[in-house]
Amino acid sequence: ALAGDSAEALAQARQALAEEEERTLAT
């Protein structure tokens, strides 16, 4: 269960990072 939660958290963090990079590049 923890591994699943960690994988989900990692996926969310990657998505947030990609969105932040996209905003930075757009700026």
PDB file of all heavy atoms in Angstrom:
ATOM      1  N   ALA A   1       0.834  -1.203   0.000  1.00  0.00           N
ATOM      2  CA  ALA A   1       0.000   0.000   0.000  1.00  0.00           C
ATOM      3  C   ALA A   1       0.869   1.254   0.000  1.00  0.00           C
ATOM      4  O   ALA A   1       0.594   2.209  -0.737  1.00  0.00           O
ATOM      5  CB  ALA A   1      -0.929  -0.002   1.212  1.00  0.00           C
ATOM      6  N   LEU A   2       1.933   1.242   0.803  1.00  0.00           N
ATOM      7  CA  LEU A   2       2.836   2.392   0.835  1.00  0.00           C
ATOM      8  C   LEU A   2       3.532   2.583  -0.502  1.00  0.00           C
ATOM      9  O   LEU A   2       3.717   3.711  -0.963  1.00  0.00           O
ATOM     10  CB  LEU A   2       3.884   2.224   1.946  1.00  0.00           C
ATOM     11  CG  LEU A   2       3.378   2.420   3.372  1.00  0.00           C
ATOM     12  CD1 LEU A   2       4.472   2.063   4.367  1.00  0.00           C
ATOM     13  CD2 LEU A   2       2.897   3.841   3.589  1.00  0.00           C
ATOM     14  N   ALA A   3       3.916   1.480  -1.126  1.00  0.00           N
ATOM     15  CA  ALA A   3       4.562   1.573  -2.440  1.00  0.00           C
ATOM     16  C   ALA A   3       3.601   2.187  -3.451  1.00  0.00           C
ATOM     17  O   ALA A   3       3.995   3.022  -4.271  1.00  0.00           O
ATOM     18  CB  ALA A   3       5.034   0.202  -2.900  1.00  0.00           C
ATOM     19  N   GLY A   4       2.342   1.770  -3.387  1.00  0.00           N
ATOM     20  CA  GLY A   4       1.338   2.348  -4.286  1.00  0.00           C
ATOM     21  C   GLY A   4       1.146   3.824  -4.020  1.00  0.00           C
ATOM     22  O   GLY A   4       1.073   4.632  -4.959  1.00  0.00           O
ATOM     23  N   ASP A   5       1.085   4.194  -2.733  1.00  0.00           N
ATOM     24  CA  ASP A   5       0.944   5.605  -2.374  1.00  0.00           C
ATOM     25  C   ASP A   5       2.159   6.401  -2.840  1.00  0.00           C
ATOM     26  O   ASP A   5       2.030   7.517  -3.334  1.00  0.00           O
ATOM     27  CB  ASP A   5       0.773   5.768  -0.856  1.00  0.00           C
ATOM     28  CG  ASP A   5      -0.550   5.214  -0.348  1.00  0.00           C
ATOM     29  OD1 ASP A   5      -1.448   4.939  -1.180  1.00  0.00           O
ATOM     30  OD2 ASP A   5      -0.694   5.046   0.874  1.00  0.00           O
ATOM     31  N   SER A   6       3.346   5.825  -2.683  1.00  0.00           N
ATOM     32  CA  SER A   6       4.575   6.509  -3.095  1.00  0.00           C
ATOM     33  C   SER A   6       4.594   6.696  -4.606  1.00  0.00           C
ATOM     34  O   SER A   6       5.001   7.747  -5.104  1.00  0.00           O
ATOM     35  CB  SER A   6       5.806   5.713  -2.651  1.00  0.00           C
ATOM     36  OG  SER A   6       5.875   5.679  -1.248  1.00  0.00           O
ATOM     37  N   ALA A   7       4.179   5.696  -5.336  1.00  0.00           N
ATOM     38  CA  ALA A   7       4.137   5.802  -6.793  1.00  0.00           C
ATOM     39  C   ALA A   7       3.160   6.893  -7.216  1.00  0.00           C
ATOM     40  O   ALA A   7       3.446   7.682  -8.126  1.00  0.00           O
ATOM     41  CB  ALA A   7       3.758   4.463  -7.414  1.00  0.00           C
ATOM     42  N   GLU A   8       2.021   6.942  -6.551  1.00  0.00           N
ATOM     43  CA  GLU A   8       1.020   7.975  -6.850  1.00  0.00           C
ATOM     44  C   GLU A   8       1.580   9.358  -6.529  1.00  0.00           C
ATOM     45  O   GLU A   8       1.437  10.291  -7.321  1.00  0.00           O
ATOM     46  CB  GLU A   8      -0.249   7.726  -6.032  1.00  0.00           C
ATOM     47  CG  GLU A   8      -1.316   8.781  -6.188  1.00  0.00           C
ATOM     48  CD  GLU A   8      -2.017   8.730  -7.532  1.00  0.00           C
ATOM     49  OE1 GLU A   8      -1.984   7.694  -8.200  1.00  0.00           O
ATOM     50  OE2 GLU A   8      -2.599   9.762  -7.914  1.00  0.00           O
ATOM     51  N   ALA A   9       2.236   9.490  -5.383  1.00  0.00           N
ATOM     52  CA  ALA A   9       2.816  10.779  -5.003  1.00  0.00           C
ATOM     53  C   ALA A   9       3.907  11.189  -5.985  1.00  0.00           C
ATOM     54  O   ALA A   9       4.015  12.371  -6.350  1.00  0.00           O
ATOM     55  CB  ALA A   9       3.384  10.708  -3.583  1.00  0.00           C
ATOM     56  N   LEU A  10       4.717  10.242  -6.420  1.00  0.00           N
ATOM     57  CA  LEU A  10       5.763  10.536  -7.393  1.00  0.00           C
ATOM     58  C   LEU A  10       5.164  10.999  -8.720  1.00  0.00           C
ATOM     59  O   LEU A  10       5.634  11.971  -9.321  1.00  0.00           O
ATOM     60  CB  LEU A  10       6.644   9.305  -7.607  1.00  0.00           C
ATOM     61  CG  LEU A  10       7.785   9.452  -8.604  1.00  0.00           C
ATOM     62  CD1 LEU A  10       8.745  10.556  -8.179  1.00  0.00           C
ATOM     63  CD2 LEU A  10       8.523   8.132  -8.760  1.00  0.00           C
ATOM     64  N   ALA A  11       4.118  10.333  -9.156  1.00  0.00           N
ATOM     65  CA  ALA A  11       3.460  10.724 -10.409  1.00  0.00           C
ATOM     66  C   ALA A  11       2.885  12.134 -10.289  1.00  0.00           C
ATOM     67  O   ALA A  11       3.010  12.944 -11.223  1.00  0.00           O
ATOM     68  CB  ALA A  11       2.363   9.723 -10.763  1.00  0.00           C
ATOM     69  N   GLN A  12       2.281  12.443  -9.147  1.00  0.00           N
ATOM     70  CA  GLN A  12       1.731  13.786  -8.945  1.00  0.00           C
ATOM     71  C   GLN A  12       2.840  14.833  -8.908  1.00  0.00           C
ATOM     72  O   GLN A  12       2.691  15.927  -9.458  1.00  0.00           O
ATOM     73  CB  GLN A  12       0.912  13.829  -7.654  1.00  0.00           C
ATOM     74  CG  GLN A  12      -0.377  13.063  -7.745  1.00  0.00           C
ATOM     75  CD  GLN A  12      -1.120  13.012  -6.414  1.00  0.00           C
ATOM     76  OE1 GLN A  12      -0.613  13.429  -5.383  1.00  0.00           O
ATOM     77  NE2 GLN A  12      -2.326  12.468  -6.440  1.00  0.00           N
ATOM     78  N   ALA A  13       3.959  14.496  -8.258  1.00  0.00           N
ATOM     79  CA  ALA A  13       5.078  15.437  -8.189  1.00  0.00           C
ATOM     80  C   ALA A  13       5.660  15.681  -9.575  1.00  0.00           C
ATOM     81  O   ALA A  13       5.987  16.824  -9.928  1.00  0.00           O
ATOM     82  CB  ALA A  13       6.154  14.910  -7.242  1.00  0.00           C
ATOM     83  N   ARG A  14       5.780  14.625 -10.366  1.00  0.00           N
ATOM     84  CA  ARG A  14       6.282  14.787 -11.738  1.00  0.00           C
ATOM     85  C   ARG A  14       5.351  15.668 -12.557  1.00  0.00           C
ATOM     86  O   ARG A  14       5.799  16.523 -13.324  1.00  0.00           O
ATOM     87  CB  ARG A  14       6.427  13.434 -12.410  1.00  0.00           C
ATOM     88  CG  ARG A  14       7.637  12.669 -11.943  1.00  0.00           C
ATOM     89  CD  ARG A  14       7.763  11.359 -12.668  1.00  0.00           C
ATOM     90  NE  ARG A  14       8.976  10.663 -12.268  1.00  0.00           N
ATOM     91  CZ  ARG A  14       9.191   9.394 -12.465  1.00  0.00           C
ATOM     92  NH1 ARG A  14       8.282   8.648 -13.075  1.00  0.00           N
ATOM     93  NH2 ARG A  14      10.314   8.838 -12.069  1.00  0.00           N
ATOM     94  N   GLN A  15       4.056  15.466 -12.398  1.00  0.00           N
ATOM     95  CA  GLN A  15       3.076  16.271 -13.123  1.00  0.00           C
ATOM     96  C   GLN A  15       3.174  17.734 -12.704  1.00  0.00           C
ATOM     97  O   GLN A  15       3.166  18.629 -13.547  1.00  0.00           O
ATOM     98  CB  GLN A  15       1.660  15.743 -12.889  1.00  0.00           C
ATOM     99  CG  GLN A  15       0.579  16.526 -13.598  1.00  0.00           C
ATOM    100  CD  GLN A  15       0.684  16.441 -15.101  1.00  0.00           C
ATOM    101  OE1 GLN A  15       1.125  15.434 -15.650  1.00  0.00           O
ATOM    102  NE2 GLN A  15       0.304  17.488 -15.788  1.00  0.00           N
ATOM    103  N   ALA A  16       3.290  17.975 -11.404  1.00  0.00           N
ATOM    104  CA  ALA A  16       3.408  19.350 -10.906  1.00  0.00           C
ATOM    105  C   ALA A  16       4.680  20.004 -11.432  1.00  0.00           C
ATOM    106  O   ALA A  16       4.675  21.182 -11.821  1.00  0.00           O
ATOM    107  CB  ALA A  16       3.387  19.360  -9.384  1.00  0.00           C
ATOM    108  N   LEU A  17       5.770  19.254 -11.456  1.00  0.00           N
ATOM    109  CA  LEU A  17       7.034  19.780 -11.973  1.00  0.00           C
ATOM    110  C   LEU A  17       6.917  20.113 -13.457  1.00  0.00           C
ATOM    111  O   LEU A  17       7.374  21.182 -13.899  1.00  0.00           O
ATOM    112  CB  LEU A  17       8.158  18.771 -11.741  1.00  0.00           C
ATOM    113  CG  LEU A  17       9.545  19.172 -12.235  1.00  0.00           C
ATOM    114  CD1 LEU A  17      10.011  20.447 -11.562  1.00  0.00           C
ATOM    115  CD2 LEU A  17      10.517  18.038 -12.002  1.00  0.00           C
ATOM    116  N   ALA A  18       6.297  19.235 -14.223  1.00  0.00           N
ATOM    117  CA  ALA A  18       6.123  19.488 -15.656  1.00  0.00           C
ATOM    118  C   ALA A  18       5.277  20.742 -15.876  1.00  0.00           C
ATOM    119  O   ALA A  18       5.591  21.561 -16.749  1.00  0.00           O
ATOM    120  CB  ALA A  18       5.473  18.280 -16.327  1.00  0.00           C
ATOM    121  N   GLU A  19       4.232  20.904 -15.083  1.00  0.00           N
ATOM    122  CA  GLU A  19       3.381  22.088 -15.218  1.00  0.00           C
ATOM    123  C   GLU A  19       4.151  23.354 -14.857  1.00  0.00           C
ATOM    124  O   GLU A  19       4.019  24.391 -15.527  1.00  0.00           O
ATOM    125  CB  GLU A  19       2.135  21.943 -14.347  1.00  0.00           C
ATOM    126  CG  GLU A  19       1.175  20.887 -14.855  1.00  0.00           C
ATOM    127  CD  GLU A  19       0.060  20.569 -13.869  1.00  0.00           C
ATOM    128  OE1 GLU A  19       0.038  21.138 -12.755  1.00  0.00           O
ATOM    129  OE2 GLU A  19      -0.789  19.725 -14.213  1.00  0.00           O
ATOM    130  N   GLU A  20       4.971  23.286 -13.814  1.00  0.00           N
ATOM    131  CA  GLU A  20       5.765  24.445 -13.410  1.00  0.00           C
ATOM    132  C   GLU A  20       6.798  24.794 -14.490  1.00  0.00           C
ATOM    133  O   GLU A  20       6.994  25.972 -14.807  1.00  0.00           O
ATOM    134  CB  GLU A  20       6.474  24.169 -12.082  1.00  0.00           C
ATOM    135  CG  GLU A  20       7.313  25.327 -11.576  1.00  0.00           C
ATOM    136  CD  GLU A  20       6.512  26.578 -11.281  1.00  0.00           C
ATOM    137  OE1 GLU A  20       5.326  26.472 -10.918  1.00  0.00           O
ATOM    138  OE2 GLU A  20       7.078  27.675 -11.419  1.00  0.00           O
ATOM    139  N   GLU A  21       7.441  23.786 -15.050  1.00  0.00           N
ATOM    140  CA  GLU A  21       8.400  24.029 -16.132  1.00  0.00           C
ATOM    141  C   GLU A  21       7.707  24.665 -17.335  1.00  0.00           C
ATOM    142  O   GLU A  21       8.252  25.577 -17.968  1.00  0.00           O
ATOM    143  CB  GLU A  21       9.081  22.729 -16.542  1.00  0.00           C
ATOM    144  CG  GLU A  21      10.086  22.223 -15.532  1.00  0.00           C
ATOM    145  CD  GLU A  21      10.683  20.879 -15.912  1.00  0.00           C
ATOM    146  OE1 GLU A  21      10.116  20.188 -16.785  1.00  0.00           O
ATOM    147  OE2 GLU A  21      11.709  20.523 -15.319  1.00  0.00           O
ATOM    148  N   GLU A  22       6.507  24.188 -17.642  1.00  0.00           N
ATOM    149  CA  GLU A  22       5.759  24.746 -18.772  1.00  0.00           C
ATOM    150  C   GLU A  22       5.418  26.209 -18.520  1.00  0.00           C
ATOM    151  O   GLU A  22       5.564  27.053 -19.414  1.00  0.00           O
ATOM    152  CB  GLU A  22       4.479  23.933 -18.995  1.00  0.00           C
ATOM    153  CG  GLU A  22       3.742  24.310 -20.250  1.00  0.00           C
ATOM    154  CD  GLU A  22       2.547  23.426 -20.515  1.00  0.00           C
ATOM    155  OE1 GLU A  22       2.632  22.214 -20.236  1.00  0.00           O
ATOM    156  OE2 GLU A  22       1.545  23.947 -21.007  1.00  0.00           O
ATOM    157  N   ARG A  23       4.997  26.529 -17.291  1.00  0.00           N
ATOM    158  CA  ARG A  23       4.687  27.929 -16.957  1.00  0.00           C
ATOM    159  C   ARG A  23       5.945  28.798 -17.042  1.00  0.00           C
ATOM    160  O   ARG A  23       5.903  29.920 -17.570  1.00  0.00           O
ATOM    161  CB  ARG A  23       4.075  28.028 -15.554  1.00  0.00           C
ATOM    162  CG  ARG A  23       2.625  27.598 -15.473  1.00  0.00           C
ATOM    163  CD  ARG A  23       2.012  27.959 -14.125  1.00  0.00           C
ATOM    164  NE  ARG A  23       2.634  27.256 -13.019  1.00  0.00           N
ATOM    165  CZ  ARG A  23       2.285  26.052 -12.586  1.00  0.00           C
ATOM    166  NH1 ARG A  23       1.305  25.402 -13.170  1.00  0.00           N
ATOM    167  NH2 ARG A  23       2.907  25.503 -11.553  1.00  0.00           N
ATOM    168  N   THR A  24       7.057  28.272 -16.553  1.00  0.00           N
ATOM    169  CA  THR A  24       8.321  29.028 -16.594  1.00  0.00           C
ATOM    170  C   THR A  24       8.745  29.292 -18.030  1.00  0.00           C
ATOM    171  O   THR A  24       9.132  30.417 -18.381  1.00  0.00           O
ATOM    172  CB  THR A  24       9.428  28.259 -15.836  1.00  0.00           C
ATOM    173  OG1 THR A  24       9.017  28.074 -14.490  1.00  0.00           O
ATOM    174  CG2 THR A  24      10.743  28.999 -15.872  1.00  0.00           C
ATOM    175  N   LEU A  25       8.664  28.254 -18.865  1.00  0.00           N
ATOM    176  CA  LEU A  25       9.027  28.428 -20.271  1.00  0.00           C
ATOM    177  C   LEU A  25       8.089  29.402 -20.980  1.00  0.00           C
ATOM    178  O   LEU A  25       8.534  30.213 -21.800  1.00  0.00           O
ATOM    179  CB  LEU A  25       9.043  27.075 -20.985  1.00  0.00           C
ATOM    180  CG  LEU A  25      10.182  26.142 -20.578  1.00  0.00           C
ATOM    181  CD1 LEU A  25       9.996  24.778 -21.239  1.00  0.00           C
ATOM    182  CD2 LEU A  25      11.530  26.739 -20.943  1.00  0.00           C
ATOM    183  N   ALA A  26       6.814  29.344 -20.668  1.00  0.00           N
ATOM    184  CA  ALA A  26       5.854  30.262 -21.285  1.00  0.00           C
ATOM    185  C   ALA A  26       6.162  31.701 -20.875  1.00  0.00           C
ATOM    186  O   ALA A  26       6.082  32.624 -21.703  1.00  0.00           O
ATOM    187  CB  ALA A  26       4.430  29.886 -20.884  1.00  0.00           C
ATOM    188  N   THR A  27       6.543  31.904 -19.613  1.00  0.00           N
ATOM    189  CA  THR A  27       6.898  33.247 -19.144  1.00  0.00           C
ATOM    190  C   THR A  27       8.151  33.749 -19.852  1.00  0.00           C
ATOM    191  O   THR A  27       8.203  34.902 -20.309  1.00  0.00           O
ATOM    192  CB  THR A  27       7.136  33.226 -17.619  1.00  0.00           C
ATOM    193  OG1 THR A  27       5.933  32.787 -16.973  1.00  0.00           O
ATOM    194  CG2 THR A  27       7.517  34.588 -17.093  1.00  0.00           C
TER     195      THR A  27
END
